[in-house]
């Protein structure tokens, strides 16, 4: 499923199986490491080292979420316990490694809302994205006081975050002090043609 998700941006499940063997998990981590290294070729600056634990946790999170969307056989009270927890620090390496899979959660949430806007799985997945907000940039998700410390601490992640904000035209994020100056410099003199709303509002706020 993870391979299909990464390469075709779609979910294919062949069985209703929530348990994952150690061998399967190791295969997934090996695959994600290759994907990470491939993406790193296009990253600015020095890419943080691959974080296998974060990649595995994120892959399992997305896999379980997909299972719960397609095969819901559990009571509402049991759903939270089915999603895996993490015990590692969400630094730049973990954020980028987890993003290999977490970037697909927004689309899964959209599908859940189409099926049932009151699905209890929706707030659970949104709570994950609020903490791992790099993967939620294109999702219309209200994130109060996000922790940008890991982003500021790593120049590669910071620039990738800025680029994702620009790609998805997230004006409020672009105007945040953590990103505003870097995005303005990134767009340069062609900013008004490329993204006039950001340039106009930013120049007004800096005047």
N, C-alpha and C. Protein backbone atom coordinates (compact mmCIF):
# COMPACT_ATOMS: atom_id res chain seq x y z
N UNK A 1 0.81 -1.19 0.00
CA UNK A 1 0.00 0.00 0.00
C UNK A 1 0.85 1.26 0.00
N UNK A 2 1.90 1.27 0.82
CA UNK A 2 2.76 2.45 0.92
C UNK A 2 3.47 2.71 -0.40
N UNK A 3 3.91 1.66 -1.06
CA UNK A 3 4.57 1.83 -2.35
C UNK A 3 3.59 2.42 -3.38
N UNK A 4 2.37 1.93 -3.42
CA UNK A 4 1.37 2.46 -4.34
C UNK A 4 1.03 3.90 -3.99
N UNK A 5 0.93 4.19 -2.71
CA UNK A 5 0.64 5.54 -2.25
C UNK A 5 1.71 6.52 -2.70
N UNK A 6 2.96 6.13 -2.55
CA UNK A 6 4.07 7.00 -2.90
C UNK A 6 4.18 7.18 -4.42
N UNK A 7 3.99 6.14 -5.17
CA UNK A 7 4.26 6.20 -6.61
C UNK A 7 3.04 6.55 -7.45
N UNK A 8 1.84 6.25 -6.93
CA UNK A 8 0.64 6.54 -7.70
C UNK A 8 -0.34 7.45 -6.97
N UNK A 9 0.01 7.82 -5.73
CA UNK A 9 -0.83 8.69 -4.90
C UNK A 9 -2.24 8.13 -4.76
N UNK A 10 -2.31 6.83 -4.61
CA UNK A 10 -3.59 6.17 -4.39
C UNK A 10 -3.43 5.07 -3.36
N UNK A 11 -4.55 4.64 -2.82
CA UNK A 11 -4.56 3.59 -1.78
C UNK A 11 -5.17 2.32 -2.35
N UNK A 12 -4.43 1.22 -2.24
CA UNK A 12 -4.93 -0.08 -2.63
C UNK A 12 -4.72 -1.03 -1.46
N UNK A 13 -5.80 -1.58 -0.95
CA UNK A 13 -5.74 -2.54 0.15
C UNK A 13 -6.29 -3.87 -0.32
N UNK A 14 -5.59 -4.94 0.02
CA UNK A 14 -6.02 -6.26 -0.43
C UNK A 14 -6.65 -7.07 0.69
N UNK A 15 -6.41 -6.66 1.94
CA UNK A 15 -6.96 -7.39 3.07
C UNK A 15 -7.24 -6.43 4.21
N UNK A 16 -8.14 -6.84 5.08
CA UNK A 16 -8.44 -6.09 6.29
C UNK A 16 -7.50 -6.57 7.38
N UNK A 17 -6.26 -6.06 7.35
CA UNK A 17 -5.24 -6.51 8.30
C UNK A 17 -4.62 -5.28 8.96
N UNK A 18 -4.79 -5.16 10.26
CA UNK A 18 -4.22 -4.04 11.00
C UNK A 18 -2.84 -4.37 11.56
N UNK A 19 -2.57 -5.63 11.80
CA UNK A 19 -1.28 -6.02 12.37
C UNK A 19 -0.21 -6.03 11.28
N UNK A 20 0.97 -5.53 11.65
CA UNK A 20 2.08 -5.44 10.71
C UNK A 20 3.26 -6.22 11.27
N UNK A 21 3.79 -7.15 10.50
CA UNK A 21 4.92 -7.94 10.98
C UNK A 21 6.20 -7.12 10.96
N UNK A 22 7.19 -7.56 11.72
CA UNK A 22 8.49 -6.87 11.76
C UNK A 22 9.15 -6.87 10.38
N UNK A 23 9.03 -7.99 9.67
CA UNK A 23 9.63 -8.09 8.33
C UNK A 23 8.99 -7.09 7.38
N UNK A 24 7.66 -6.98 7.43
CA UNK A 24 6.96 -6.02 6.58
C UNK A 24 7.37 -4.59 6.93
N UNK A 25 7.48 -4.30 8.21
CA UNK A 25 7.87 -2.96 8.64
C UNK A 25 9.28 -2.61 8.17
N UNK A 26 10.19 -3.58 8.24
CA UNK A 26 11.55 -3.34 7.78
C UNK A 26 11.60 -3.09 6.28
N UNK A 27 10.77 -3.81 5.53
CA UNK A 27 10.71 -3.60 4.08
C UNK A 27 10.19 -2.20 3.76
N UNK A 28 9.20 -1.76 4.51
CA UNK A 28 8.64 -0.42 4.29
C UNK A 28 9.67 0.65 4.61
N UNK A 29 10.38 0.49 5.70
CA UNK A 29 11.41 1.48 6.08
C UNK A 29 12.51 1.53 5.03
N UNK A 30 12.91 0.38 4.51
CA UNK A 30 13.94 0.34 3.46
C UNK A 30 13.46 1.06 2.21
N UNK A 31 12.21 0.84 1.85
CA UNK A 31 11.64 1.51 0.69
C UNK A 31 11.58 3.02 0.91
N UNK A 32 11.13 3.44 2.09
CA UNK A 32 11.02 4.87 2.38
C UNK A 32 12.38 5.55 2.44
N UNK A 33 13.39 4.82 2.88
CA UNK A 33 14.73 5.39 2.88
C UNK A 33 15.18 5.69 1.45
N UNK A 34 14.88 4.78 0.53
CA UNK A 34 15.20 5.02 -0.88
C UNK A 34 14.43 6.23 -1.41
N UNK A 35 13.17 6.35 -1.03
CA UNK A 35 12.36 7.48 -1.45
C UNK A 35 12.92 8.79 -0.88
N UNK A 36 13.35 8.73 0.36
CA UNK A 36 13.92 9.91 1.03
C UNK A 36 15.19 10.36 0.32
N UNK A 37 16.04 9.43 0.01
CA UNK A 37 17.29 9.76 -0.66
C UNK A 37 17.03 10.30 -2.06
N UNK A 38 16.01 9.78 -2.72
CA UNK A 38 15.67 10.27 -4.06
C UNK A 38 15.16 11.71 -3.99
N UNK A 39 14.28 11.99 -3.04
CA UNK A 39 13.77 13.35 -2.90
C UNK A 39 14.86 14.31 -2.46
N UNK A 40 15.81 13.82 -1.68
CA UNK A 40 16.87 14.67 -1.16
C UNK A 40 17.74 15.27 -2.26
N UNK A 41 17.75 14.62 -3.41
CA UNK A 41 18.54 15.13 -4.53
C UNK A 41 18.07 16.51 -4.96
N UNK A 42 16.81 16.82 -4.71
CA UNK A 42 16.26 18.12 -5.11
C UNK A 42 16.11 19.08 -3.94
N UNK A 43 16.58 18.69 -2.77
CA UNK A 43 16.46 19.55 -1.60
C UNK A 43 17.54 20.63 -1.59
N UNK A 44 17.21 21.80 -1.05
CA UNK A 44 18.23 22.84 -0.89
C UNK A 44 19.11 22.54 0.31
N UNK A 45 20.35 22.98 0.25
CA UNK A 45 21.27 22.82 1.38
C UNK A 45 21.48 21.34 1.71
N UNK A 46 21.86 21.06 2.95
CA UNK A 46 22.14 19.69 3.36
C UNK A 46 20.89 19.08 4.00
N UNK A 47 20.42 17.98 3.44
CA UNK A 47 19.22 17.32 3.96
C UNK A 47 19.53 16.59 5.27
N UNK A 48 18.68 16.72 6.28
CA UNK A 48 18.88 15.96 7.52
C UNK A 48 18.90 14.46 7.23
N UNK A 49 19.55 13.72 8.10
CA UNK A 49 19.62 12.27 7.92
C UNK A 49 18.23 11.64 8.01
N UNK A 50 18.05 10.56 7.29
CA UNK A 50 16.79 9.82 7.32
C UNK A 50 16.50 9.33 8.73
N UNK A 51 15.26 9.47 9.17
CA UNK A 51 14.84 9.07 10.51
C UNK A 51 13.94 7.83 10.38
N UNK A 52 14.49 6.63 10.51
CA UNK A 52 13.71 5.41 10.27
C UNK A 52 12.51 5.26 11.18
N UNK A 53 12.64 5.67 12.45
CA UNK A 53 11.53 5.51 13.38
C UNK A 53 10.35 6.40 13.01
N UNK A 54 10.66 7.63 12.61
CA UNK A 54 9.60 8.55 12.20
C UNK A 54 8.93 8.07 10.92
N UNK A 55 9.73 7.57 9.99
CA UNK A 55 9.18 7.07 8.73
C UNK A 55 8.27 5.87 8.98
N UNK A 56 8.70 4.98 9.85
CA UNK A 56 7.88 3.79 10.16
C UNK A 56 6.59 4.18 10.86
N UNK A 57 6.67 5.07 11.83
CA UNK A 57 5.47 5.52 12.55
C UNK A 57 4.47 6.17 11.58
N UNK A 58 4.97 7.03 10.70
CA UNK A 58 4.08 7.73 9.77
C UNK A 58 3.45 6.75 8.79
N UNK A 59 4.24 5.79 8.31
CA UNK A 59 3.70 4.79 7.38
C UNK A 59 2.60 3.97 8.06
N UNK A 60 2.84 3.59 9.31
CA UNK A 60 1.83 2.80 10.03
C UNK A 60 0.59 3.64 10.29
N UNK A 61 0.78 4.92 10.60
CA UNK A 61 -0.35 5.81 10.84
C UNK A 61 -1.24 5.90 9.60
N UNK A 62 -0.62 6.11 8.45
CA UNK A 62 -1.37 6.23 7.21
C UNK A 62 -2.02 4.90 6.83
N UNK A 63 -1.30 3.81 7.05
CA UNK A 63 -1.84 2.48 6.73
C UNK A 63 -3.07 2.18 7.58
N UNK A 64 -2.97 2.42 8.88
CA UNK A 64 -4.10 2.15 9.78
C UNK A 64 -5.28 3.06 9.43
N UNK A 65 -4.98 4.34 9.13
CA UNK A 65 -6.04 5.26 8.76
C UNK A 65 -6.78 4.76 7.51
N UNK A 66 -6.02 4.28 6.53
CA UNK A 66 -6.64 3.75 5.32
C UNK A 66 -7.51 2.54 5.62
N UNK A 67 -7.01 1.66 6.50
CA UNK A 67 -7.79 0.48 6.89
C UNK A 67 -9.11 0.90 7.55
N UNK A 68 -9.04 1.92 8.40
CA UNK A 68 -10.23 2.36 9.13
C UNK A 68 -11.22 3.07 8.21
N UNK A 69 -10.73 3.65 7.14
CA UNK A 69 -11.63 4.28 6.17
C UNK A 69 -12.38 3.22 5.37
N UNK A 70 -11.65 2.18 4.97
CA UNK A 70 -12.24 1.18 4.08
C UNK A 70 -12.88 0.01 4.80
N UNK A 71 -12.34 -0.34 5.98
CA UNK A 71 -12.86 -1.50 6.71
C UNK A 71 -13.11 -1.11 8.17
N UNK A 72 -14.22 -0.46 8.44
CA UNK A 72 -14.49 -0.03 9.81
C UNK A 72 -15.30 -1.09 10.55
N UNK A 73 -14.60 -1.85 11.40
CA UNK A 73 -15.26 -2.91 12.16
C UNK A 73 -15.11 -2.69 13.67
N UNK A 74 -14.65 -1.49 14.03
CA UNK A 74 -14.34 -1.25 15.43
C UNK A 74 -15.32 -0.25 16.03
N UNK A 75 -15.54 -0.35 17.31
CA UNK A 75 -16.37 0.61 18.00
C UNK A 75 -15.63 1.95 18.10
N UNK A 76 -16.38 3.02 18.19
CA UNK A 76 -15.80 4.36 18.21
C UNK A 76 -14.78 4.52 19.33
N UNK A 77 -15.05 3.95 20.48
CA UNK A 77 -14.15 4.10 21.63
C UNK A 77 -12.79 3.41 21.41
N UNK A 78 -12.76 2.45 20.47
CA UNK A 78 -11.52 1.70 20.25
C UNK A 78 -10.63 2.32 19.17
N UNK A 79 -11.17 3.24 18.39
CA UNK A 79 -10.43 3.81 17.26
C UNK A 79 -9.14 4.50 17.69
N UNK A 80 -9.14 5.37 18.72
CA UNK A 80 -7.88 6.05 19.08
C UNK A 80 -6.73 5.10 19.40
N UNK A 81 -7.04 3.97 20.01
CA UNK A 81 -5.98 3.04 20.42
C UNK A 81 -5.38 2.30 19.24
N UNK A 82 -6.03 2.35 18.09
CA UNK A 82 -5.52 1.64 16.92
C UNK A 82 -4.41 2.42 16.21
N UNK A 83 -4.42 3.73 16.37
CA UNK A 83 -3.38 4.55 15.75
C UNK A 83 -2.10 4.48 16.58
N UNK A 84 -0.94 4.37 15.94
CA UNK A 84 0.32 4.24 16.68
C UNK A 84 0.73 5.56 17.32
N UNK A 85 1.48 5.46 18.38
CA UNK A 85 2.04 6.65 19.04
C UNK A 85 3.53 6.72 18.75
N UNK A 86 4.12 7.89 18.99
CA UNK A 86 5.56 8.03 18.76
C UNK A 86 6.24 8.50 20.04
N UNK A 87 7.50 8.12 20.18
CA UNK A 87 8.26 8.48 21.39
C UNK A 87 9.58 9.14 21.02
N UNK A 88 9.66 9.70 19.81
CA UNK A 88 10.88 10.36 19.38
C UNK A 88 10.64 11.86 19.25
N UNK A 89 11.72 12.63 19.17
CA UNK A 89 11.62 14.08 19.08
C UNK A 89 11.29 14.50 17.64
N UNK A 90 10.29 15.35 17.45
CA UNK A 90 9.95 15.79 16.10
C UNK A 90 10.91 16.88 15.58
N UNK A 91 12.17 16.48 15.37
CA UNK A 91 13.14 17.42 14.83
C UNK A 91 13.05 17.42 13.31
N UNK A 92 13.97 18.14 12.65
CA UNK A 92 13.91 18.28 11.20
C UNK A 92 13.97 16.93 10.49
N UNK A 93 14.84 16.05 10.95
CA UNK A 93 14.96 14.73 10.34
C UNK A 93 13.67 13.94 10.45
N UNK A 94 13.05 13.98 11.63
CA UNK A 94 11.80 13.26 11.84
C UNK A 94 10.67 13.87 11.02
N UNK A 95 10.63 15.19 10.95
CA UNK A 95 9.56 15.88 10.21
C UNK A 95 9.62 15.53 8.73
N UNK A 96 10.80 15.57 8.14
CA UNK A 96 10.94 15.27 6.72
C UNK A 96 10.73 13.78 6.42
N UNK A 97 11.18 12.93 7.32
CA UNK A 97 11.00 11.49 7.12
C UNK A 97 9.53 11.09 7.26
N UNK A 98 8.86 11.65 8.25
CA UNK A 98 7.44 11.35 8.44
C UNK A 98 6.60 11.91 7.31
N UNK A 99 7.03 13.02 6.75
CA UNK A 99 6.27 13.66 5.68
C UNK A 99 6.16 12.79 4.43
N UNK A 100 7.05 11.85 4.25
CA UNK A 100 6.95 10.95 3.11
C UNK A 100 5.58 10.30 3.02
N UNK A 101 4.97 10.06 4.19
CA UNK A 101 3.64 9.45 4.22
C UNK A 101 2.57 10.40 4.75
N UNK A 102 2.91 11.23 5.73
CA UNK A 102 1.91 12.10 6.33
C UNK A 102 1.34 13.11 5.35
N UNK A 103 2.08 13.43 4.29
CA UNK A 103 1.58 14.40 3.31
C UNK A 103 0.29 13.94 2.62
N UNK A 104 -0.01 12.64 2.76
CA UNK A 104 -1.23 12.11 2.14
C UNK A 104 -2.43 12.13 3.08
N UNK A 105 -2.21 12.45 4.35
CA UNK A 105 -3.32 12.48 5.31
C UNK A 105 -4.39 13.51 4.95
N UNK A 106 -4.03 14.72 4.49
CA UNK A 106 -5.08 15.68 4.14
C UNK A 106 -6.10 15.14 3.14
N UNK A 107 -5.64 14.45 2.10
CA UNK A 107 -6.57 13.88 1.13
C UNK A 107 -7.45 12.80 1.76
N UNK A 108 -6.88 12.06 2.69
CA UNK A 108 -7.66 11.03 3.37
C UNK A 108 -8.75 11.66 4.24
N UNK A 109 -8.41 12.78 4.86
CA UNK A 109 -9.40 13.49 5.67
C UNK A 109 -10.53 14.02 4.80
N UNK A 110 -10.18 14.53 3.61
CA UNK A 110 -11.20 15.01 2.68
C UNK A 110 -12.18 13.88 2.33
N UNK A 111 -11.63 12.70 2.04
CA UNK A 111 -12.48 11.56 1.71
C UNK A 111 -13.37 11.17 2.89
N UNK A 112 -12.82 11.23 4.09
CA UNK A 112 -13.62 10.91 5.28
C UNK A 112 -14.77 11.89 5.43
N UNK A 113 -14.52 13.17 5.18
CA UNK A 113 -15.57 14.18 5.33
C UNK A 113 -16.66 14.01 4.29
N UNK A 114 -16.29 13.52 3.11
CA UNK A 114 -17.29 13.24 2.08
C UNK A 114 -18.21 12.11 2.53
N UNK A 115 -17.61 11.11 3.18
CA UNK A 115 -18.38 9.95 3.64
C UNK A 115 -19.23 10.31 4.86
N UNK A 116 -18.59 10.98 5.84
CA UNK A 116 -19.30 11.30 7.09
C UNK A 116 -18.53 12.40 7.80
N UNK A 117 -19.10 13.60 7.85
CA UNK A 117 -18.41 14.74 8.47
C UNK A 117 -18.24 14.57 9.98
N UNK A 118 -18.99 13.63 10.55
CA UNK A 118 -18.90 13.40 12.01
C UNK A 118 -18.07 12.18 12.36
N UNK A 119 -17.35 11.66 11.40
CA UNK A 119 -16.53 10.48 11.66
C UNK A 119 -15.51 10.79 12.75
N UNK A 120 -15.45 9.99 13.81
CA UNK A 120 -14.53 10.26 14.92
C UNK A 120 -13.05 10.15 14.52
N UNK A 121 -12.79 9.55 13.37
CA UNK A 121 -11.40 9.45 12.92
C UNK A 121 -10.87 10.80 12.43
N UNK A 122 -11.77 11.68 11.99
CA UNK A 122 -11.34 12.97 11.45
C UNK A 122 -10.57 13.81 12.46
N UNK A 123 -11.11 14.07 13.66
CA UNK A 123 -10.34 14.86 14.63
C UNK A 123 -9.06 14.18 15.07
N UNK A 124 -9.02 12.86 15.06
CA UNK A 124 -7.79 12.16 15.44
C UNK A 124 -6.69 12.42 14.41
N UNK A 125 -7.03 12.34 13.12
CA UNK A 125 -6.04 12.59 12.08
C UNK A 125 -5.65 14.06 12.03
N UNK A 126 -6.62 14.93 12.28
CA UNK A 126 -6.31 16.36 12.28
C UNK A 126 -5.40 16.73 13.45
N UNK A 127 -5.54 16.03 14.57
CA UNK A 127 -4.67 16.31 15.71
C UNK A 127 -3.22 15.93 15.39
N UNK A 128 -3.06 14.88 14.57
CA UNK A 128 -1.71 14.49 14.12
C UNK A 128 -1.14 15.58 13.23
N UNK A 129 -1.93 16.07 12.29
CA UNK A 129 -1.46 17.10 11.37
C UNK A 129 -1.16 18.42 12.08
N UNK A 130 -1.88 18.71 13.16
CA UNK A 130 -1.60 19.94 13.91
C UNK A 130 -0.20 19.90 14.51
N UNK A 131 0.23 18.72 14.91
CA UNK A 131 1.57 18.59 15.48
C UNK A 131 2.61 18.47 14.38
N UNK A 132 2.29 17.77 13.30
CA UNK A 132 3.20 17.58 12.18
C UNK A 132 2.73 18.48 11.03
N UNK A 133 2.74 19.79 11.32
CA UNK A 133 2.07 20.76 10.45
C UNK A 133 2.75 20.98 9.10
N UNK A 134 4.01 20.58 8.94
CA UNK A 134 4.65 20.67 7.63
C UNK A 134 3.87 19.85 6.60
N UNK A 135 3.32 18.74 7.05
CA UNK A 135 2.54 17.87 6.16
C UNK A 135 1.12 18.37 5.97
N UNK A 136 0.74 19.45 6.67
CA UNK A 136 -0.63 19.95 6.61
C UNK A 136 -0.72 21.31 5.92
N UNK A 137 0.36 21.79 5.32
CA UNK A 137 0.37 23.13 4.75
C UNK A 137 -0.77 23.32 3.75
N UNK A 138 -0.99 22.34 2.88
CA UNK A 138 -2.02 22.52 1.85
C UNK A 138 -3.41 22.21 2.35
N UNK A 139 -3.52 21.74 3.57
CA UNK A 139 -4.81 21.40 4.16
C UNK A 139 -5.35 22.60 4.91
N UNK A 140 -6.64 22.91 4.77
CA UNK A 140 -7.23 24.04 5.49
C UNK A 140 -7.45 23.65 6.94
N UNK A 141 -6.37 23.69 7.68
CA UNK A 141 -6.40 23.24 9.07
C UNK A 141 -5.93 24.38 9.97
N UNK A 142 -6.75 24.73 10.94
CA UNK A 142 -6.38 25.78 11.89
C UNK A 142 -5.40 25.20 12.91
N UNK A 143 -4.20 25.77 12.91
CA UNK A 143 -3.16 25.31 13.84
C UNK A 143 -2.79 26.47 14.75
N UNK A 144 -3.17 26.38 16.01
CA UNK A 144 -2.88 27.44 16.97
C UNK A 144 -1.47 27.27 17.55
N UNK A 145 -0.71 28.35 17.45
CA UNK A 145 0.64 28.39 18.00
C UNK A 145 1.47 27.15 17.64
N UNK A 146 1.68 26.93 16.34
CA UNK A 146 2.51 25.78 15.95
C UNK A 146 3.94 25.95 16.41
N UNK A 147 4.61 24.85 16.66
CA UNK A 147 6.00 24.88 17.10
C UNK A 147 6.89 24.94 15.86
N UNK A 148 7.44 26.13 15.58
CA UNK A 148 8.29 26.30 14.42
C UNK A 148 9.78 26.17 14.77
N UNK A 149 10.09 25.86 16.03
CA UNK A 149 11.49 25.77 16.45
C UNK A 149 12.29 24.78 15.60
N UNK A 150 11.80 23.56 15.33
CA UNK A 150 12.56 22.63 14.50
C UNK A 150 12.74 23.15 13.07
N UNK A 151 11.78 23.94 12.60
CA UNK A 151 11.85 24.49 11.25
C UNK A 151 12.94 25.55 11.17
N UNK A 152 12.94 26.44 12.14
CA UNK A 152 13.93 27.52 12.17
C UNK A 152 15.33 26.95 12.37
N UNK A 153 15.44 25.85 13.09
CA UNK A 153 16.75 25.28 13.42
C UNK A 153 17.44 24.61 12.24
N UNK A 154 16.70 24.34 11.16
CA UNK A 154 17.29 23.62 10.03
C UNK A 154 17.01 24.39 8.74
N UNK A 155 18.06 24.85 8.08
CA UNK A 155 17.91 25.70 6.89
C UNK A 155 17.25 24.95 5.74
N UNK A 156 17.50 23.65 5.63
CA UNK A 156 16.88 22.85 4.57
C UNK A 156 15.37 22.77 4.77
N UNK A 157 14.95 22.37 5.96
CA UNK A 157 13.52 22.26 6.26
C UNK A 157 12.84 23.62 6.13
N UNK A 158 13.51 24.67 6.58
CA UNK A 158 12.92 26.01 6.52
C UNK A 158 12.63 26.42 5.08
N UNK A 159 13.57 26.17 4.19
CA UNK A 159 13.37 26.54 2.79
C UNK A 159 12.30 25.66 2.14
N UNK A 160 12.28 24.38 2.48
CA UNK A 160 11.25 23.49 1.94
C UNK A 160 9.87 23.92 2.43
N UNK A 161 9.79 24.36 3.67
CA UNK A 161 8.53 24.83 4.23
C UNK A 161 8.07 26.08 3.48
N UNK A 162 9.01 27.01 3.24
CA UNK A 162 8.68 28.23 2.49
C UNK A 162 8.17 27.88 1.10
N UNK A 163 8.84 26.93 0.45
CA UNK A 163 8.44 26.55 -0.90
C UNK A 163 7.05 25.93 -0.91
N UNK A 164 6.74 25.13 0.09
CA UNK A 164 5.42 24.50 0.17
C UNK A 164 4.34 25.56 0.40
N UNK A 165 4.65 26.54 1.20
CA UNK A 165 3.71 27.65 1.44
C UNK A 165 3.41 28.38 0.13
N UNK A 166 4.45 28.67 -0.64
CA UNK A 166 4.29 29.37 -1.91
C UNK A 166 3.53 28.50 -2.91
N UNK A 167 3.88 27.23 -2.99
CA UNK A 167 3.23 26.32 -3.94
C UNK A 167 1.72 26.26 -3.73
N UNK A 168 1.30 26.33 -2.46
CA UNK A 168 -0.12 26.19 -2.15
C UNK A 168 -0.76 27.53 -1.77
N UNK A 169 -0.01 28.63 -1.97
CA UNK A 169 -0.53 29.99 -1.79
C UNK A 169 -1.21 30.17 -0.42
N UNK A 170 -0.51 29.81 0.64
CA UNK A 170 -1.04 29.94 1.99
C UNK A 170 -0.60 31.30 2.56
N UNK A 171 -1.45 32.31 2.34
CA UNK A 171 -1.07 33.68 2.64
C UNK A 171 -0.80 33.93 4.12
N UNK A 172 -1.65 33.38 5.01
CA UNK A 172 -1.45 33.61 6.44
C UNK A 172 -0.11 33.04 6.91
N UNK A 173 0.22 31.86 6.44
CA UNK A 173 1.52 31.27 6.79
C UNK A 173 2.66 32.08 6.19
N UNK A 174 2.48 32.55 4.96
CA UNK A 174 3.53 33.32 4.29
C UNK A 174 3.82 34.61 5.03
N UNK A 175 2.82 35.16 5.70
CA UNK A 175 3.01 36.42 6.42
C UNK A 175 3.54 36.20 7.84
N UNK A 176 3.67 34.95 8.24
CA UNK A 176 4.20 34.68 9.58
C UNK A 176 5.66 35.12 9.63
N UNK A 177 6.09 35.74 10.75
CA UNK A 177 7.48 36.21 10.85
C UNK A 177 8.53 35.14 10.57
N UNK A 178 8.21 33.88 10.83
CA UNK A 178 9.16 32.81 10.58
C UNK A 178 9.46 32.65 9.09
N UNK A 179 8.49 33.01 8.24
CA UNK A 179 8.63 32.75 6.81
C UNK A 179 8.63 34.00 5.92
N UNK A 180 8.04 35.09 6.39
CA UNK A 180 7.77 36.24 5.52
C UNK A 180 9.00 36.76 4.80
N UNK A 181 10.04 37.01 5.54
CA UNK A 181 11.24 37.60 4.94
C UNK A 181 11.90 36.65 3.94
N UNK A 182 11.95 35.36 4.30
CA UNK A 182 12.59 34.38 3.41
C UNK A 182 11.80 34.21 2.12
N UNK A 183 10.47 34.22 2.22
CA UNK A 183 9.64 34.07 1.02
C UNK A 183 9.76 35.30 0.13
N UNK A 184 9.78 36.49 0.75
CA UNK A 184 9.94 37.72 -0.02
C UNK A 184 11.27 37.71 -0.78
N UNK A 185 12.32 37.26 -0.11
CA UNK A 185 13.64 37.20 -0.76
C UNK A 185 13.65 36.14 -1.85
N UNK A 186 12.95 35.04 -1.61
CA UNK A 186 12.91 33.94 -2.57
C UNK A 186 12.23 34.37 -3.88
N UNK A 187 11.16 35.16 -3.77
CA UNK A 187 10.44 35.60 -4.96
C UNK A 187 11.10 36.80 -5.62
N UNK A 188 11.80 37.62 -4.84
CA UNK A 188 12.55 38.73 -5.40
C UNK A 188 11.67 39.75 -6.10
N UNK A 189 12.23 40.39 -7.12
CA UNK A 189 11.55 41.48 -7.82
C UNK A 189 10.35 40.99 -8.64
N UNK A 190 10.25 39.69 -8.85
CA UNK A 190 9.15 39.16 -9.65
C UNK A 190 7.97 38.74 -8.78
N UNK A 191 8.04 39.04 -7.50
CA UNK A 191 6.98 38.67 -6.58
C UNK A 191 5.60 39.16 -6.97
N UNK A 192 5.44 40.43 -7.38
CA UNK A 192 4.10 40.92 -7.73
C UNK A 192 3.43 40.14 -8.86
N UNK A 193 4.23 39.68 -9.82
CA UNK A 193 3.66 38.89 -10.91
C UNK A 193 3.38 37.46 -10.47
N UNK A 194 4.23 36.94 -9.59
CA UNK A 194 4.12 35.54 -9.18
C UNK A 194 3.03 35.34 -8.13
N UNK A 195 2.99 36.24 -7.14
CA UNK A 195 2.00 36.12 -6.07
C UNK A 195 1.73 37.52 -5.53
N UNK A 196 0.87 38.25 -6.22
CA UNK A 196 0.66 39.65 -5.92
C UNK A 196 0.06 39.87 -4.54
N UNK A 197 -0.84 38.97 -4.10
CA UNK A 197 -1.47 39.15 -2.79
C UNK A 197 -0.42 39.16 -1.67
N UNK A 198 0.54 38.27 -1.75
CA UNK A 198 1.58 38.22 -0.72
C UNK A 198 2.43 39.46 -0.77
N UNK A 199 2.90 39.86 -1.94
CA UNK A 199 3.79 41.01 -2.06
C UNK A 199 3.11 42.29 -1.61
N UNK A 200 1.86 42.48 -2.04
CA UNK A 200 1.14 43.71 -1.68
C UNK A 200 0.94 43.78 -0.18
N UNK A 201 0.43 42.69 0.40
CA UNK A 201 0.16 42.70 1.84
C UNK A 201 1.44 42.82 2.65
N UNK A 202 2.50 42.15 2.20
CA UNK A 202 3.76 42.17 2.93
C UNK A 202 4.38 43.55 2.89
N UNK A 203 4.39 44.17 1.71
CA UNK A 203 4.99 45.49 1.59
C UNK A 203 4.21 46.50 2.41
N UNK A 204 2.89 46.34 2.46
CA UNK A 204 2.08 47.25 3.25
C UNK A 204 2.38 47.10 4.74
N UNK A 205 2.55 45.85 5.18
CA UNK A 205 2.79 45.60 6.60
C UNK A 205 4.19 46.03 7.02
N UNK A 206 5.12 46.08 6.06
CA UNK A 206 6.48 46.48 6.38
C UNK A 206 6.71 47.96 6.23
N UNK A 207 5.72 48.69 5.63
CA UNK A 207 5.88 50.12 5.36
C UNK A 207 5.82 50.94 6.65
